[in-house]
Amino acid sequence: MKRMTLIGVLCAASLASLAGCGKSDNNGMGPAQEAGRKIDEASVKVAAKVHEEVGKADAAAADARAKTPDAVEQAKRNLDKVTDKVGQKVEEAGQKMQQDAK
């Protein structure tokens, strides 16, 4: 009797595990195929997002490259202005020193 019960339990467990591997009623795919499909869908979404972000980074880099010559030119103009002001201050200081020395 115990042997028959054990065999019955083993058969039921085997059938249950096989049922889990079978194709689902929803789309004709088994669980592993369904998981693979979901992984494929997720990787497509991730690839699209990465591609989008790379495109944004490329656009930002192109924008920065376009602005660089203007920034360099502005820096040169600012440096020239500062140099002129420093030169004027040095001249004024020199004149004051000459006046104080008299």
C-alpha atoms as a PDB file:
ATOM      1  CA  MET A   1       0.000   0.000   0.000  1.00  0.00           C
ATOM      2  CA  LYS A   2       2.791   2.382   0.878  1.00  0.00           C
ATOM      3  CA  ARG A   3       4.499   1.462  -2.358  1.00  0.00           C
ATOM      4  CA  MET A   4       1.394   2.325  -4.388  1.00  0.00           C
ATOM      5  CA  THR A   5       1.042   5.668  -2.610  1.00  0.00           C
ATOM      6  CA  LEU A   6       4.709   6.493  -3.252  1.00  0.00           C
ATOM      7  CA  ILE A   7       4.396   5.588  -6.932  1.00  0.00           C
ATOM      8  CA  GLY A   8       1.245   7.702  -7.192  1.00  0.00           C
ATOM      9  CA  VAL A   9       2.968  10.696  -5.600  1.00  0.00           C
ATOM     10  CA  LEU A  10       5.992  10.337  -7.905  1.00  0.00           C
ATOM     11  CA  CYS A  11       3.772  10.111 -10.972  1.00  0.00           C
ATOM     12  CA  ALA A  12       1.805  13.169  -9.909  1.00  0.00           C
ATOM     13  CA  ALA A  13       5.022  15.135  -9.299  1.00  0.00           C
ATOM     14  CA  SER A  14       6.381  14.090 -12.707  1.00  0.00           C
ATOM     15  CA  LEU A  15       3.202  15.136 -14.457  1.00  0.00           C
ATOM     16  CA  ALA A  16       3.146  18.459 -12.611  1.00  0.00           C
ATOM     17  CA  SER A  17       6.741  19.211 -13.573  1.00  0.00           C
ATOM     18  CA  LEU A  18       6.059  18.291 -17.198  1.00  0.00           C
ATOM     19  CA  ALA A  19       2.986  20.483 -17.188  1.00  0.00           C
ATOM     20  CA  GLY A  20       5.162  23.389 -16.067  1.00  0.00           C
ATOM     21  CA  CYS A  21       7.452  22.879 -19.069  1.00  0.00           C
ATOM     22  CA  GLY A  22       4.665  22.705 -21.577  1.00  0.00           C
ATOM     23  CA  LYS A  23       3.413  25.449 -23.773  1.00  0.00           C
ATOM     24  CA  SER A  24       1.147  27.996 -22.189  1.00  0.00           C
ATOM     25  CA  ASP A  25      -2.321  28.660 -23.500  1.00  0.00           C
ATOM     26  CA  ASN A  26      -1.633  32.380 -23.985  1.00  0.00           C
ATOM     27  CA  ASN A  27       0.862  32.445 -26.823  1.00  0.00           C
ATOM     28  CA  GLY A  28       1.955  28.903 -27.547  1.00  0.00           C
ATOM     29  CA  MET A  29       5.340  29.407 -25.853  1.00  0.00           C
ATOM     30  CA  GLY A  30       6.725  27.612 -22.839  1.00  0.00           C
ATOM     31  CA  PRO A  31       8.069  29.388 -19.757  1.00  0.00           C
ATOM     32  CA  ALA A  32      11.680  29.402 -20.980  1.00  0.00           C
ATOM     33  CA  GLN A  33      10.622  30.777 -24.351  1.00  0.00           C
ATOM     34  CA  GLU A  34       8.498  33.411 -22.641  1.00  0.00           C
ATOM     35  CA  ALA A  35      11.442  34.407 -20.426  1.00  0.00           C
ATOM     36  CA  GLY A  36      13.690  34.591 -23.482  1.00  0.00           C
ATOM     37  CA  ARG A  37      11.164  36.783 -25.277  1.00  0.00           C
ATOM     38  CA  LYS A  38      11.002  39.137 -22.304  1.00  0.00           C
ATOM     39  CA  ILE A  39      14.799  39.307 -22.138  1.00  0.00           C
ATOM     40  CA  ASP A  40      14.907  40.107 -25.858  1.00  0.00           C
ATOM     41  CA  GLU A  41      12.304  42.853 -25.440  1.00  0.00           C
ATOM     42  CA  ALA A  42      14.183  44.334 -22.489  1.00  0.00           C
ATOM     43  CA  SER A  43      17.487  44.316 -24.360  1.00  0.00           C
ATOM     44  CA  VAL A  44      15.873  46.093 -27.318  1.00  0.00           C
ATOM     45  CA  LYS A  45      14.552  48.779 -24.964  1.00  0.00           C
ATOM     46  CA  VAL A  46      17.946  49.155 -23.281  1.00  0.00           C
ATOM     47  CA  ALA A  47      19.731  49.372 -26.631  1.00  0.00           C
ATOM     48  CA  ALA A  48      17.301  52.054 -27.814  1.00  0.00           C
ATOM     49  CA  LYS A  49      17.802  54.072 -24.611  1.00  0.00           C
ATOM     50  CA  VAL A  50      21.605  53.773 -24.851  1.00  0.00           C
ATOM     51  CA  HIS A  51      21.453  54.845 -28.497  1.00  0.00           C
ATOM     52  CA  GLU A  52      19.302  57.841 -27.524  1.00  0.00           C
ATOM     53  CA  GLU A  53      21.692  58.873 -24.739  1.00  0.00           C
ATOM     54  CA  VAL A  54      24.734  58.496 -27.022  1.00  0.00           C
ATOM     55  CA  GLY A  55      22.973  60.713 -29.549  1.00  0.00           C
ATOM     56  CA  LYS A  56      22.390  63.342 -26.863  1.00  0.00           C
ATOM     57  CA  ALA A  57      26.038  63.166 -25.803  1.00  0.00           C
ATOM     58  CA  ASP A  58      27.171  63.518 -29.429  1.00  0.00           C
ATOM     59  CA  ALA A  59      24.940  66.560 -29.881  1.00  0.00           C
ATOM     60  CA  ALA A  60      26.285  68.144 -26.695  1.00  0.00           C
ATOM     61  CA  ALA A  61      29.868  67.498 -27.806  1.00  0.00           C
ATOM     62  CA  ALA A  62      29.175  69.006 -31.235  1.00  0.00           C
ATOM     63  CA  ASP A  63      27.601  72.044 -29.577  1.00  0.00           C
ATOM     64  CA  ALA A  64      30.630  72.444 -27.291  1.00  0.00           C
ATOM     65  CA  ARG A  65      33.007  72.156 -30.267  1.00  0.00           C
ATOM     66  CA  ALA A  66      31.014  74.804 -32.116  1.00  0.00           C
ATOM     67  CA  LYS A  67      31.177  77.176 -29.150  1.00  0.00           C
ATOM     68  CA  THR A  68      34.888  76.651 -28.452  1.00  0.00           C
ATOM     69  CA  PRO A  69      36.248  79.111 -31.059  1.00  0.00           C
ATOM     70  CA  ASP A  70      33.922  81.830 -29.763  1.00  0.00           C
ATOM     71  CA  ALA A  71      34.955  81.147 -26.167  1.00  0.00           C
ATOM     72  CA  VAL A  72      38.645  81.260 -27.084  1.00  0.00           C
ATOM     73  CA  GLU A  73      38.182  84.531 -28.948  1.00  0.00           C
ATOM     74  CA  GLN A  74      36.286  86.036 -26.000  1.00  0.00           C
ATOM     75  CA  ALA A  75      39.031  84.906 -23.611  1.00  0.00           C
ATOM     76  CA  LYS A  76      41.646  86.604 -25.819  1.00  0.00           C
ATOM     77  CA  ARG A  77      39.652  89.853 -25.819  1.00  0.00           C
ATOM     78  CA  ASN A  78      39.237  89.690 -22.027  1.00  0.00           C
ATOM     79  CA  LEU A  79      42.943  89.023 -21.575  1.00  0.00           C
ATOM     80  CA  ASP A  80      43.797  92.009 -23.778  1.00  0.00           C
ATOM     81  CA  LYS A  81      41.516  94.245 -21.683  1.00  0.00           C
ATOM     82  CA  VAL A  82      43.046  93.036 -18.432  1.00  0.00           C
ATOM     83  CA  THR A  83      46.558  93.477 -19.799  1.00  0.00           C
ATOM     84  CA  ASP A  84      45.741  97.058 -20.841  1.00  0.00           C
ATOM     85  CA  LYS A  85      44.324  97.870 -17.386  1.00  0.00           C
ATOM     86  CA  VAL A  86      47.338  96.383 -15.623  1.00  0.00           C
ATOM     87  CA  GLY A  87      49.609  98.394 -17.911  1.00  0.00           C
ATOM     88  CA  GLN A  88      47.720 101.606 -17.076  1.00  0.00           C
ATOM     89  CA  LYS A  89      47.947 100.910 -13.342  1.00  0.00           C
ATOM     90  CA  VAL A  90      51.696 100.244 -13.609  1.00  0.00           C
ATOM     91  CA  GLU A  91      52.156 103.519 -15.491  1.00  0.00           C
ATOM     92  CA  GLU A  92      50.113 105.417 -12.891  1.00  0.00           C
ATOM     93  CA  ALA A  93      52.108 103.849 -10.093  1.00  0.00           C
ATOM     94  CA  GLY A  94      55.351 104.760 -11.850  1.00  0.00           C
ATOM     95  CA  GLN A  95      54.251 108.369 -12.303  1.00  0.00           C
ATOM     96  CA  LYS A  96      53.203 108.592  -8.655  1.00  0.00           C
ATOM     97  CA  MET A  97      56.564 107.192  -7.571  1.00  0.00           C
ATOM     98  CA  GLN A  98      58.341 109.806  -9.695  1.00  0.00           C
ATOM     99  CA  GLN A  99      56.237 112.591  -8.204  1.00  0.00           C
ATOM    100  CA  ASP A 100      56.822 111.346  -4.662  1.00  0.00           C
ATOM    101  CA  ALA A 101      60.556 111.136  -5.333  1.00  0.00           C
ATOM    102  CA  LYS A 102      60.749 114.871  -6.214  1.00  0.00           C
END
